[in-house]
Protein backbone atom coordinates (compact mmCIF):
# COMPACT_ATOMS: atom_id res chain seq x y z
CA MET A 1 -10.46 -27.81 -8.10
CA THR A 2 -14.21 -27.68 -7.45
CA GLY A 3 -16.41 -24.63 -7.83
CA SER A 4 -16.95 -24.46 -4.07
CA ALA A 5 -13.20 -24.01 -3.63
CA ILE A 6 -13.29 -20.93 -5.86
CA PHE A 7 -16.62 -19.37 -4.92
CA ALA A 8 -17.41 -19.01 -1.22
CA ARG A 9 -20.80 -20.18 0.01
CA GLY A 10 -23.62 -17.80 -0.86
CA PHE A 11 -21.75 -15.94 -3.61
CA PHE A 12 -24.30 -16.60 -6.36
CA SER A 13 -27.36 -16.19 -4.15
CA SER A 14 -26.30 -12.96 -2.44
CA SER A 15 -28.23 -9.87 -3.55
CA SER A 16 -25.32 -7.72 -2.40
CA VAL A 17 -23.05 -9.53 -4.86
CA HIS A 18 -25.58 -9.09 -7.69
CA ILE A 19 -25.77 -5.33 -7.05
CA ALA A 20 -22.00 -5.01 -6.74
CA LEU A 21 -21.42 -6.91 -9.99
CA ALA A 22 -23.99 -4.80 -11.87
CA VAL A 23 -22.62 -1.46 -10.69
CA GLY A 24 -19.01 -2.63 -11.04
CA ALA A 25 -19.53 -3.87 -14.61
CA LEU A 26 -21.20 -0.59 -15.59
CA GLY A 27 -18.27 1.33 -14.14
CA ALA A 28 -15.78 -0.87 -16.00
CA ILE A 29 -17.57 -0.50 -19.35
CA VAL A 30 -17.99 3.27 -19.10
CA GLY A 31 -14.46 3.64 -17.77
CA ALA A 32 -13.10 1.74 -20.78
CA MET A 33 -14.98 3.93 -23.25
CA VAL A 34 -13.78 7.16 -21.70
CA GLY A 35 -10.39 5.71 -20.80
CA ILE A 36 -9.37 5.09 -24.43
CA PHE A 37 -9.71 8.81 -25.17
CA THR A 38 -8.13 9.74 -21.83
CA VAL A 39 -4.97 7.84 -22.74
CA LEU A 40 -4.94 9.18 -26.30
CA ARG A 41 -5.39 12.76 -25.06
CA GLY A 42 -2.77 12.37 -22.34
CA GLN A 43 -5.22 13.47 -19.66
CA SER A 44 -4.66 10.75 -17.07
CA PHE A 45 -3.87 13.46 -14.53
CA ALA A 46 -7.31 14.98 -15.11
CA GLY A 47 -8.88 11.56 -14.45
CA GLU A 48 -6.84 11.16 -11.27
CA ALA A 49 -7.84 14.64 -10.16
CA LEU A 50 -11.56 14.08 -10.77
CA GLY A 51 -11.32 10.81 -8.83
CA ASP A 52 -9.68 12.57 -5.89
CA ILE A 53 -12.12 15.47 -6.15
CA GLY A 54 -14.90 12.92 -5.80
CA THR A 55 -13.68 12.45 -2.21
CA ALA A 56 -15.10 15.87 -1.38
CA GLY A 57 -18.41 15.03 -3.03
CA GLY A 58 -18.69 11.61 -1.43
CA SER A 59 -17.82 12.87 2.04
CA GLY A 60 -20.24 15.77 1.63
CA ALA A 61 -22.97 13.32 0.62
CA PHE A 62 -22.32 11.21 3.72
CA LEU A 63 -22.49 14.34 5.85
CA LEU A 64 -25.87 15.25 4.33
CA GLY A 65 -27.17 11.69 4.53
CA ILE A 66 -27.59 11.10 0.78
CA GLY A 67 -26.14 8.45 -1.53
CA PRO A 68 -22.39 8.83 -2.23
CA LEU A 69 -22.88 8.41 -5.99
CA TRP A 70 -24.74 11.71 -6.08
CA GLY A 71 -21.84 13.33 -4.27
CA PHE A 72 -19.23 11.81 -6.60
CA LEU A 73 -21.24 12.92 -9.64
CA ILE A 74 -22.00 16.49 -8.53
CA ALA A 75 -18.44 17.14 -7.35
CA GLY A 76 -16.95 15.71 -10.54
CA MET A 77 -19.21 17.69 -12.87
CA ALA A 78 -18.66 20.91 -10.92
CA ALA A 79 -14.90 20.37 -11.02
CA ALA A 80 -15.01 19.65 -14.76
CA ALA A 81 -16.92 22.90 -15.32
CA VAL A 82 -14.41 24.91 -13.28
CA MET A 83 -11.48 23.29 -15.09
CA GLU A 84 -13.08 24.26 -18.40
CA MET A 85 -13.62 27.86 -17.30
CA ILE A 86 -10.02 28.23 -16.12
CA GLY A 87 -8.73 27.02 -19.46
CA ILE A 88 -7.95 23.66 -21.06
CA GLN A 89 -6.85 24.46 -24.61
CA ARG A 90 -3.17 23.70 -24.06
CA ALA A 91 -1.66 20.82 -22.09
CA ARG A 92 0.06 23.22 -19.68
CA GLY A 93 -3.20 25.07 -19.10
CA ARG A 94 -5.06 21.78 -18.49
CA ASP A 95 -2.53 20.69 -15.85
CA LEU A 96 -2.61 24.11 -14.16
CA ALA A 97 -6.42 24.17 -14.05
CA THR A 98 -6.52 20.59 -12.81
CA GLY A 99 -4.01 21.27 -10.04
CA ILE A 100 -5.83 24.39 -8.82
CA VAL A 101 -9.21 22.65 -8.64
CA LEU A 102 -7.70 19.52 -7.07
CA GLY A 103 -6.07 21.47 -4.26
CA GLY A 104 -9.28 23.23 -3.31
CA ALA A 105 -11.35 20.05 -3.47
CA LEU A 106 -8.96 18.09 -1.26
CA GLY A 107 -9.23 20.83 1.35
CA LEU A 108 -13.02 20.48 1.33
CA ALA A 109 -12.70 16.67 1.47
CA ALA A 110 -10.54 16.91 4.59
CA LEU A 111 -13.12 19.15 6.26
CA PHE A 112 -16.11 16.98 5.31
CA LEU A 113 -14.41 13.76 6.39
CA TYR A 114 -13.45 15.34 9.71
CA LEU A 115 -17.01 16.54 10.33
CA THR A 116 -18.47 13.18 9.31
CA THR A 117 -16.09 11.25 11.57
CA THR A 118 -16.59 13.50 14.58
CA SER A 119 -20.38 13.63 14.21
CA THR A 120 -20.86 9.86 13.81
CA SER A 121 -17.84 8.58 15.79
CA THR A 122 -17.00 6.12 13.03
CA SER A 123 -14.42 5.84 10.26
CA GLY A 124 -16.70 3.74 8.06
CA ALA A 125 -17.51 6.65 5.78
CA THR A 126 -13.83 7.38 5.20
CA VAL A 127 -13.03 3.79 4.28
CA THR A 128 -16.05 3.53 1.98
CA ILE A 129 -15.25 6.75 0.13
CA LEU A 130 -11.51 6.20 -0.26
CA PHE A 131 -11.38 2.45 -0.89
CA GLY A 132 -14.92 1.51 -1.89
CA SER A 133 -17.41 -0.86 -0.33
CA ALA A 134 -18.99 -2.70 -3.25
CA PHE A 135 -20.96 -5.23 -1.18
CA SER A 136 -22.73 -2.50 0.79
CA THR A 137 -23.98 -0.64 -2.30
CA PRO A 138 -27.75 -0.06 -1.90
CA SER A 139 -30.10 -1.38 -4.58
CA SER A 140 -31.34 2.18 -5.20
CA THR A 141 -27.94 2.93 -6.77
CA VAL A 142 -28.49 0.55 -9.71
CA PRO A 143 -31.15 2.61 -11.60
CA LEU A 144 -29.08 5.79 -11.26
CA ALA A 145 -25.94 3.94 -12.41
CA LEU A 146 -27.82 2.60 -15.44
CA VAL A 147 -29.04 6.08 -16.39
CA LEU A 148 -25.58 7.59 -15.99
CA ALA A 149 -23.97 4.78 -17.99
CA ALA A 150 -26.53 5.24 -20.81
CA ILE A 151 -25.99 9.01 -20.91
CA CYS A 152 -22.21 8.64 -20.92
CA THR A 153 -22.35 5.95 -23.63
CA GLY A 154 -24.55 8.10 -25.84
CA LEU A 155 -22.31 11.13 -25.33
CA ILE A 156 -19.12 9.25 -26.21
CA ALA A 157 -20.81 7.61 -29.22
CA ALA A 158 -21.94 11.00 -30.53
CA LEU A 159 -18.51 12.55 -29.96
CA SER A 160 -16.37 9.58 -31.04
CA ARG A 161 -15.16 10.89 -34.42
CA PRO A 162 -14.47 14.55 -33.49
CA LEU A 163 -13.12 13.46 -30.10
CA LEU A 164 -10.73 10.96 -31.69
CA LEU A 165 -9.44 13.53 -34.19
CA SER A 166 -9.07 16.28 -31.59
CA SER A 167 -7.29 13.81 -29.30
CA VAL A 168 -4.75 12.85 -31.96
CA SER A 169 -4.34 16.25 -33.66
CA PRO A 170 -6.16 19.27 -32.16
CA GLU A 171 -4.75 21.55 -34.88
CA LEU A 172 -6.11 19.38 -37.69
CA ALA A 173 -9.47 19.09 -35.91
CA ALA A 174 -9.71 22.88 -35.60
CA ALA A 175 -8.76 23.29 -39.27
CA ARG A 176 -11.65 21.01 -40.21
CA GLY A 177 -14.11 23.15 -38.29
CA ILE A 178 -14.50 20.93 -35.22
CA PRO A 179 -15.28 22.96 -32.05
CA VAL A 180 -12.31 21.56 -30.14
CA ARG A 181 -13.05 23.34 -26.87
CA LEU A 182 -16.69 22.26 -26.81
CA VAL A 183 -15.71 18.67 -27.58
CA GLY A 184 -13.13 18.82 -24.79
CA ALA A 185 -15.66 20.19 -22.32
CA LEU A 186 -18.20 17.46 -23.12
CA TYR A 187 -15.43 14.87 -22.80
CA LEU A 188 -14.65 16.21 -19.31
CA LEU A 189 -18.30 15.75 -18.32
CA ALA A 190 -18.17 12.14 -19.56
CA LEU A 191 -14.94 11.69 -17.61
CA ALA A 192 -16.62 12.96 -14.43
CA VAL A 193 -19.46 10.44 -14.85
CA ALA A 194 -17.00 7.60 -15.48
CA MET A 195 -14.99 8.44 -12.37
CA ALA A 196 -18.16 8.63 -10.25
CA LEU A 197 -19.25 5.15 -11.37
CA SER A 198 -15.79 3.72 -10.72
CA ALA A 199 -15.58 5.32 -7.28
CA ILE A 200 -18.71 3.49 -6.12
CA THR A 201 -16.94 0.14 -6.57
CA ILE A 202 -13.24 0.72 -5.84
CA GLY A 203 -13.19 4.08 -4.07
CA THR A 204 -12.00 7.52 -5.09
CA ILE A 205 -8.25 7.23 -4.69
CA LEU A 206 -7.98 4.13 -6.91
CA SER A 207 -10.78 4.81 -9.39
CA THR A 208 -8.26 6.00 -11.99
CA ALA A 209 -7.00 2.41 -12.28
CA LEU A 210 -10.32 1.35 -13.82
CA LEU A 211 -10.14 4.30 -16.22
CA VAL A 212 -6.52 4.21 -17.40
CA GLY A 213 -5.34 0.64 -16.76
CA PRO A 214 -7.63 -1.33 -19.12
CA ALA A 215 -7.35 1.34 -21.83
CA ALA A 216 -3.55 1.51 -21.65
CA THR A 217 -3.35 -2.28 -21.74
CA ALA A 218 -5.68 -2.50 -24.73
CA LEU A 219 -3.73 0.15 -26.67
CA ARG A 220 -0.60 -1.90 -26.08
CA LEU A 221 -2.24 -4.87 -27.73
CA THR A 222 -3.81 -3.10 -30.72
CA ARG A 223 -3.70 0.32 -32.37
CA SER A 224 -7.23 0.04 -33.76
CA PRO A 225 -9.53 2.27 -31.64
CA GLY A 226 -12.48 -0.10 -32.12
CA ARG A 227 -10.57 -3.21 -31.11
CA ALA A 228 -8.88 -1.35 -28.27
CA LEU A 229 -12.28 -0.29 -26.94
CA LEU A 230 -13.60 -3.86 -26.92
CA ALA A 231 -10.38 -5.13 -25.34
CA ALA A 232 -10.47 -2.43 -22.65
CA MET A 233 -14.09 -3.26 -21.80
CA SER A 234 -13.26 -6.95 -21.53
CA ILE A 235 -10.23 -6.29 -19.32
CA GLY A 236 -12.17 -4.00 -17.02
CA VAL A 237 -15.15 -6.35 -16.63
CA VAL A 238 -12.88 -9.38 -16.03
CA ALA A 239 -10.90 -7.46 -13.40
CA ILE A 240 -14.13 -6.44 -11.64
CA CYS A 241 -15.61 -9.95 -11.70
CA VAL A 242 -12.44 -11.70 -10.52
CA GLY A 243 -11.90 -8.98 -7.92
CA MET A 244 -15.44 -9.50 -6.61
CA VAL A 245 -14.86 -13.23 -6.24
CA LEU A 246 -11.58 -12.76 -4.37
CA ALA A 247 -13.01 -10.00 -2.17
CA TYR A 248 -15.98 -12.18 -1.24
CA ASP A 249 -13.71 -15.16 -0.55
CA SER A 250 -11.44 -13.00 1.60
CA PHE A 251 -14.07 -12.83 4.35
CA ASP A 252 -12.83 -16.32 5.25
CA TRP A 253 -9.20 -15.20 5.23
CA PRO A 254 -7.41 -13.69 8.22
CA PRO A 255 -8.52 -11.55 9.89
CA ALA A 256 -11.66 -13.67 9.57
CA GLY A 257 -14.93 -11.87 9.05
CA HIS A 258 -13.48 -8.58 7.85
CA GLY A 259 -12.64 -9.14 4.20
CA TRP A 260 -10.09 -7.40 2.01
CA PRO A 261 -11.00 -4.33 -0.06
CA ILE A 262 -12.05 -5.14 -3.61
CA SER A 263 -9.98 -2.18 -4.82
CA PHE A 264 -6.79 -4.07 -3.92
CA PHE A 265 -7.71 -7.06 -6.08
CA VAL A 266 -8.98 -5.02 -9.03
CA VAL A 267 -5.95 -2.73 -9.15
CA THR A 268 -3.53 -5.65 -8.74
CA LEU A 269 -5.20 -7.61 -11.56
CA ILE A 270 -5.15 -4.60 -13.89
CA LEU A 271 -1.47 -4.00 -13.13
CA LEU A 272 -0.60 -7.64 -13.84
CA LEU A 273 -2.53 -7.58 -17.13
CA TYR A 274 -0.77 -4.37 -18.15
CA LEU A 275 2.65 -5.87 -17.44
CA MET A 276 1.73 -9.06 -19.31
CA SER A 277 0.53 -7.06 -22.31
CA GLY A 278 4.09 -5.95 -22.95
CA VAL A 279 5.38 -9.52 -23.28
CA PRO A 280 4.17 -10.11 -26.89
CA ARG A 281 5.72 -6.84 -28.04
CA ARG A 282 9.07 -7.63 -26.45
CA ALA A 283 8.97 -11.15 -27.88
CA ARG A 284 8.18 -9.79 -31.35
CA ARG A 285 11.04 -7.31 -31.17
CA ARG A 286 13.36 -10.07 -30.00
CA PHE A 287 12.27 -12.28 -32.90
CA LEU A 288 12.75 -9.50 -35.45
CA SER A 289 16.16 -8.56 -34.08
CA ILE A 290 17.32 -12.17 -34.36
CA ASN A 291 16.04 -12.47 -37.93
CA ASP A 292 17.66 -9.17 -38.90
CA GLU A 293 21.10 -10.30 -37.82
CA PRO A 294 23.42 -10.80 -40.80
CA ALA A 295 24.14 -14.37 -41.72
CA PRO A 296 27.67 -15.52 -40.84
CA VAL A 297 30.18 -15.45 -43.68
CA THR A 298 31.45 -18.92 -44.58
CA GLY A 299 34.19 -20.18 -46.81
């Protein structure tokens, strides 16, 4: 199979592809860093909520005529602050706070999307916000994405040890003098940034896949946080790159000229990798169970 059969004409020379790959890779890397702690803390619902809440921010940004990344970011950070104020110490409190904020944000999203659609007579904004539109990302988004990724990386690096301990055992972390609530609040801010970067590429309703999927897959393969982080980054970046190629190629698929959403390919690839990650474990258990069987008695 030749390269031209895999990569459609103009893939490597397209500036839109270069921008999409840069922003998508940043989202995958940041999502992996935050995602490892999200899975360990059992806060996937919070990630899903912040992704959905980003719909209100993105639609509000479209309504005001500004970049959607700003909307995703502002809405996510505001929601994280409100969730912290309501109370996040206990798991039940976190879910209650998340649900309350999510309900209010979705109501605003419905209003903003309605106003945007009726004022512009187009559904393009809705599709872009919900499912992403990587190849139409403006070049002005790249510097902001780089700054956000750097801030989020620095925050997670500074919090890594106390965040890991408070994720595994909040009681032990508190006993050692770690400000568990402050660490949790800063983690929520990093989570909001990660969801905003993911939403630019694959939309708000599927952005959780880039946060949880690679991290959950990596933690299936290794229990070492460092190795899991590298594996999650690799899985996320590979899913983004392969998804970009398939999405670009799909413009030649039926219906010709329209293209399939990149979110479909990225989420499907992450799901397949997650399912495949369980094969070695099942094979190992099968091998051990066979070897543990008592030898037949002879004579």
